[in-house]
Amino acid sequence: MNNYLIPANTKKSQYILGFFTRTDLILFTIGCLWSFAMILIVKEANLFVLIICMLPAFISAFLVMPVPNYHNVLQVLTNIFNFYTNRRKYYWRGWCVYERFGSSDKQ
């Protein structure tokens, strides 16, 4: 018997640093750079202003945070959005040879 077990982290080697896709890395980098720029620009130094300046980094870190059975929160939110915005009622047309080959015209 050829029973193969696929380890749970097989796709991890395809990610950058074993954690990021290109989109995740770009999103996280932009969030951190935006926060850093806001900290440099703002002259006040109280805790509330610092938290407001760090919000882009916190939000981008939350979006790339891993979730069980998904890659990250961004993927979960994308799947939820696609589920609620796409058509969910599918109509059965039966087996039609013409539709399988790309033509719906009956000859």
Protein backbone atom coordinates (compact mmCIF):
# COMPACT_ATOMS: atom_id res chain seq x y z
CA MET A 1 0.00 0.00 0.00
CA ASN A 2 1.26 3.44 -0.94
CA ASN A 3 -0.23 5.57 1.79
CA TYR A 4 1.47 8.93 1.84
CA LEU A 5 1.02 11.46 4.58
CA ILE A 6 1.28 15.09 3.57
CA PRO A 7 2.73 17.22 6.36
CA ALA A 8 0.69 20.22 7.48
CA ASN A 9 3.43 22.68 6.56
CA THR A 10 4.06 21.67 2.95
CA LYS A 11 3.15 25.09 1.51
CA LYS A 12 5.27 26.88 4.09
CA SER A 13 8.37 26.49 1.93
CA GLN A 14 6.66 28.46 -0.87
CA TYR A 15 6.27 31.54 1.35
CA ILE A 16 8.82 34.29 1.86
CA LEU A 17 10.55 33.60 5.20
CA GLY A 18 8.11 30.70 5.55
CA PHE A 19 5.33 33.14 6.47
CA PHE A 20 4.58 35.82 3.84
CA THR A 21 3.25 35.79 0.30
CA ARG A 22 4.30 38.75 -1.86
CA THR A 23 0.99 40.50 -1.21
CA ASP A 24 1.28 39.95 2.55
CA LEU A 25 4.82 41.26 2.63
CA ILE A 26 3.90 44.35 0.60
CA LEU A 27 0.87 45.03 2.83
CA PHE A 28 2.83 44.58 6.05
CA THR A 29 5.76 46.69 4.81
CA ILE A 30 3.51 49.55 3.70
CA GLY A 31 1.68 49.50 7.04
CA CYS A 32 4.93 49.61 9.02
CA LEU A 33 6.47 52.32 6.83
CA TRP A 34 3.32 54.42 7.06
CA SER A 35 3.36 54.14 10.85
CA PHE A 36 7.05 55.00 10.98
CA ALA A 37 6.48 58.07 8.79
CA MET A 38 3.59 59.21 10.99
CA ILE A 39 5.75 58.89 14.10
CA LEU A 40 8.47 61.00 12.46
CA ILE A 41 5.99 63.68 11.34
CA VAL A 42 4.00 64.03 14.57
CA LYS A 43 5.62 66.32 17.13
CA GLU A 44 3.46 65.46 20.15
CA ALA A 45 4.62 62.62 22.35
CA ASN A 46 1.71 61.29 24.35
CA LEU A 47 0.37 57.74 24.45
CA PHE A 48 -2.87 58.41 22.53
CA VAL A 49 -1.02 59.99 19.58
CA LEU A 50 1.50 57.14 19.55
CA ILE A 51 -1.31 54.55 19.39
CA ILE A 52 -2.99 56.46 16.54
CA CYS A 53 0.32 56.61 14.68
CA MET A 54 0.86 52.87 15.14
CA LEU A 55 -2.63 51.89 13.88
CA PRO A 56 -1.51 51.15 10.26
CA ALA A 57 1.17 48.76 11.55
CA PHE A 58 -1.31 47.09 13.94
CA ILE A 59 -3.95 46.69 11.22
CA SER A 60 -1.50 45.28 8.67
CA ALA A 61 -0.05 42.91 11.29
CA PHE A 62 -3.59 41.75 12.13
CA LEU A 63 -4.31 41.07 8.43
CA VAL A 64 -1.21 38.90 7.96
CA MET A 65 -1.65 37.06 11.28
CA PRO A 66 -2.02 33.29 10.73
CA VAL A 67 -5.38 31.59 11.28
CA PRO A 68 -5.91 27.81 11.62
CA ASN A 69 -6.99 26.14 8.34
CA TYR A 70 -6.27 29.35 6.39
CA HIS A 71 -3.13 31.23 5.51
CA ASN A 72 -4.05 34.45 7.31
CA VAL A 73 -6.86 36.80 8.30
CA LEU A 74 -6.74 38.56 4.92
CA GLN A 75 -7.56 35.27 3.17
CA VAL A 76 -10.44 34.59 5.58
CA LEU A 77 -11.91 38.05 4.96
CA THR A 78 -11.51 37.59 1.18
CA ASN A 79 -13.29 34.23 1.31
CA ILE A 80 -16.14 35.67 3.40
CA PHE A 81 -16.50 38.62 1.00
CA ASN A 82 -16.52 36.33 -2.04
CA PHE A 83 -19.09 34.05 -0.42
CA TYR A 84 -21.55 36.86 0.27
CA THR A 85 -21.04 38.75 -3.00
CA ASN A 86 -21.00 35.88 -5.51
CA ARG A 87 -23.92 33.84 -6.68
CA ARG A 88 -24.80 31.04 -4.28
CA LYS A 89 -27.79 29.55 -6.06
CA TYR A 90 -26.77 27.17 -8.81
CA TYR A 91 -29.20 25.70 -11.31
CA TRP A 92 -28.95 22.13 -12.52
CA ARG A 93 -28.99 21.84 -16.29
CA GLY A 94 -28.30 18.17 -16.51
CA TRP A 95 -25.57 16.55 -18.52
CA CYS A 96 -25.20 18.35 -21.78
CA VAL A 97 -22.43 17.45 -24.16
CA TYR A 98 -22.54 20.84 -25.83
CA GLU A 99 -21.95 22.79 -22.63
CA ARG A 100 -19.01 20.64 -21.71
CA PHE A 101 -17.17 21.67 -24.86
CA GLY A 102 -17.96 25.37 -24.58
CA SER A 103 -20.91 25.63 -26.96
CA SER A 104 -24.45 25.90 -25.64
CA ASP A 105 -26.05 25.83 -29.12
CA LYS A 106 -27.83 22.60 -29.94
CA GLN A 107 -27.33 21.55 -33.53
